[in-house]
Amino acid sequence: MVPNAADADLLGLGSLCAVPTCGVRDLLPFRCACGAVTCGAHRADHGCRLPAPGSDRVAVCPICAKAIRLPPGAAASDEAAVALAFDEHQRSKV
């Protein structure tokens, strides 16, 4: 069956998933901070080297009330990591 013009227009909607083995054309694709455009199934699993959304941990500076990013894997209850991040924040004057 040969697609008509209306069908051809529909085939151009959305974006192809960036995962090579997927090939899904998603009408509501996700764009990662790394630039990859993926389908919903590969949103969190596309080989991205950036931290997963929500994985950043922060502490709040008691002086300026700005968020201070903690080192990857550190928890806000890790006093040494918080102290190191706070010292770095004070030196940066940000």
C-alpha atoms as a PDB file:
ATOM      1  CA  MET A   1       0.000   0.000   0.000  1.00  0.00           C
ATOM      2  CA  VAL A   2       1.358   3.412  -0.968  1.00  0.00           C
ATOM      3  CA  PRO A   3       0.955   6.071   1.749  1.00  0.00           C
ATOM      4  CA  ASN A   4      -1.033   9.128   0.726  1.00  0.00           C
ATOM      5  CA  ALA A   5       0.052  12.702   1.487  1.00  0.00           C
ATOM      6  CA  ALA A   6      -1.800  12.804   4.830  1.00  0.00           C
ATOM      7  CA  ASP A   7      -0.090   9.594   5.990  1.00  0.00           C
ATOM      8  CA  ALA A   8       3.299  10.957   4.924  1.00  0.00           C
ATOM      9  CA  ASP A   9       2.733  14.070   7.058  1.00  0.00           C
ATOM     10  CA  LEU A  10       1.960  11.910  10.095  1.00  0.00           C
ATOM     11  CA  LEU A  11       5.169   9.918   9.586  1.00  0.00           C
ATOM     12  CA  GLY A  12       7.170  13.111  10.072  1.00  0.00           C
ATOM     13  CA  LEU A  13       5.799  13.841  13.549  1.00  0.00           C
ATOM     14  CA  GLY A  14       7.831  13.226  16.676  1.00  0.00           C
ATOM     15  CA  SER A  15      11.451  12.166  16.853  1.00  0.00           C
ATOM     16  CA  LEU A  16      13.366   8.949  16.557  1.00  0.00           C
ATOM     17  CA  CYS A  17      14.862   7.594  19.776  1.00  0.00           C
ATOM     18  CA  ALA A  18      18.643   8.132  19.955  1.00  0.00           C
ATOM     19  CA  VAL A  19      19.240   4.584  21.253  1.00  0.00           C
ATOM     20  CA  PRO A  20      20.493   2.721  18.144  1.00  0.00           C
ATOM     21  CA  THR A  21      18.697  -0.534  18.954  1.00  0.00           C
ATOM     22  CA  CYS A  22      15.339   1.150  19.632  1.00  0.00           C
ATOM     23  CA  GLY A  23      14.109   2.838  16.459  1.00  0.00           C
ATOM     24  CA  VAL A  24      10.870   4.096  18.051  1.00  0.00           C
ATOM     25  CA  ARG A  25       9.426   7.335  16.707  1.00  0.00           C
ATOM     26  CA  ASP A  26       7.964   8.988  19.803  1.00  0.00           C
ATOM     27  CA  LEU A  27       5.355  11.728  19.411  1.00  0.00           C
ATOM     28  CA  LEU A  28       6.357  13.172  22.814  1.00  0.00           C
ATOM     29  CA  PRO A  29      10.110  12.596  22.960  1.00  0.00           C
ATOM     30  CA  PHE A  30      12.358  13.497  25.886  1.00  0.00           C
ATOM     31  CA  ARG A  31      15.406  15.733  25.414  1.00  0.00           C
ATOM     32  CA  CYS A  32      18.190  15.029  27.906  1.00  0.00           C
ATOM     33  CA  ALA A  33      20.639  17.681  29.110  1.00  0.00           C
ATOM     34  CA  CYS A  34      23.299  15.781  27.108  1.00  0.00           C
ATOM     35  CA  GLY A  35      21.342  16.561  23.915  1.00  0.00           C
ATOM     36  CA  ALA A  36      19.998  13.050  23.245  1.00  0.00           C
ATOM     37  CA  VAL A  37      16.373  12.755  22.175  1.00  0.00           C
ATOM     38  CA  THR A  38      14.798   9.536  23.429  1.00  0.00           C
ATOM     39  CA  CYS A  39      11.520   7.716  23.736  1.00  0.00           C
ATOM     40  CA  GLY A  40       9.882   7.314  27.133  1.00  0.00           C
ATOM     41  CA  ALA A  41      11.335   3.828  27.624  1.00  0.00           C
ATOM     42  CA  HIS A  42      14.922   5.072  27.223  1.00  0.00           C
ATOM     43  CA  ARG A  43      14.594   8.400  29.010  1.00  0.00           C
ATOM     44  CA  ALA A  44      16.757   7.292  31.957  1.00  0.00           C
ATOM     45  CA  ASP A  45      18.699   4.571  30.142  1.00  0.00           C
ATOM     46  CA  HIS A  46      20.373   5.935  27.028  1.00  0.00           C
ATOM     47  CA  GLY A  47      24.037   5.759  28.047  1.00  0.00           C
ATOM     48  CA  CYS A  48      24.147   9.327  29.327  1.00  0.00           C
ATOM     49  CA  ARG A  49      27.251  10.352  31.242  1.00  0.00           C
ATOM     50  CA  LEU A  50      25.418  13.148  33.071  1.00  0.00           C
ATOM     51  CA  PRO A  51      23.907  12.564  36.525  1.00  0.00           C
ATOM     52  CA  ALA A  52      20.357  11.270  36.508  1.00  0.00           C
ATOM     53  CA  PRO A  53      17.680  13.884  37.250  1.00  0.00           C
ATOM     54  CA  GLY A  54      17.170  14.139  40.980  1.00  0.00           C
ATOM     55  CA  SER A  55      20.561  12.624  41.815  1.00  0.00           C
ATOM     56  CA  ASP A  56      22.150  15.956  42.745  1.00  0.00           C
ATOM     57  CA  ARG A  57      22.298  16.561  46.473  1.00  0.00           C
ATOM     58  CA  VAL A  58      22.395  20.052  47.906  1.00  0.00           C
ATOM     59  CA  ALA A  59      22.722  21.765  51.254  1.00  0.00           C
ATOM     60  CA  VAL A  60      21.463  25.279  51.933  1.00  0.00           C
ATOM     61  CA  CYS A  61      23.982  27.945  52.896  1.00  0.00           C
ATOM     62  CA  PRO A  62      22.920  29.409  56.264  1.00  0.00           C
ATOM     63  CA  ILE A  63      24.400  32.806  55.321  1.00  0.00           C
ATOM     64  CA  CYS A  64      23.120  33.487  51.802  1.00  0.00           C
ATOM     65  CA  ALA A  65      20.391  30.785  51.565  1.00  0.00           C
ATOM     66  CA  LYS A  66      21.730  29.536  48.208  1.00  0.00           C
ATOM     67  CA  ALA A  67      21.887  25.851  47.341  1.00  0.00           C
ATOM     68  CA  ILE A  68      25.356  24.328  47.621  1.00  0.00           C
ATOM     69  CA  ARG A  69      25.892  21.264  45.415  1.00  0.00           C
ATOM     70  CA  LEU A  70      27.400  18.327  47.278  1.00  0.00           C
ATOM     71  CA  PRO A  71      29.907  15.939  45.665  1.00  0.00           C
ATOM     72  CA  PRO A  72      28.314  13.029  43.733  1.00  0.00           C
ATOM     73  CA  GLY A  73      27.201  10.273  46.074  1.00  0.00           C
ATOM     74  CA  ALA A  74      27.340  12.466  49.185  1.00  0.00           C
ATOM     75  CA  ALA A  75      24.289  12.817  51.385  1.00  0.00           C
ATOM     76  CA  ALA A  76      23.193  15.983  53.159  1.00  0.00           C
ATOM     77  CA  SER A  77      23.803  14.098  56.427  1.00  0.00           C
ATOM     78  CA  ASP A  78      27.492  13.550  55.520  1.00  0.00           C
ATOM     79  CA  GLU A  79      29.063  16.288  57.675  1.00  0.00           C
ATOM     80  CA  ALA A  80      32.502  16.098  56.021  1.00  0.00           C
ATOM     81  CA  ALA A  81      31.038  16.475  52.506  1.00  0.00           C
ATOM     82  CA  VAL A  82      28.807  19.352  53.611  1.00  0.00           C
ATOM     83  CA  ALA A  83      31.745  21.119  55.322  1.00  0.00           C
ATOM     84  CA  LEU A  84      33.938  20.722  52.231  1.00  0.00           C
ATOM     85  CA  ALA A  85      31.186  21.995  49.910  1.00  0.00           C
ATOM     86  CA  PHE A  86      30.455  24.912  52.254  1.00  0.00           C
ATOM     87  CA  ASP A  87      34.159  25.899  52.401  1.00  0.00           C
ATOM     88  CA  GLU A  88      34.322  25.797  48.605  1.00  0.00           C
ATOM     89  CA  HIS A  89      31.139  27.899  48.409  1.00  0.00           C
ATOM     90  CA  GLN A  90      32.613  30.531  50.769  1.00  0.00           C
ATOM     91  CA  ARG A  91      35.837  30.737  48.738  1.00  0.00           C
ATOM     92  CA  SER A  92      33.933  31.141  45.464  1.00  0.00           C
ATOM     93  CA  LYS A  93      31.840  34.053  46.828  1.00  0.00           C
ATOM     94  CA  VAL A  94      28.938  32.939  44.633  1.00  0.00           C
END
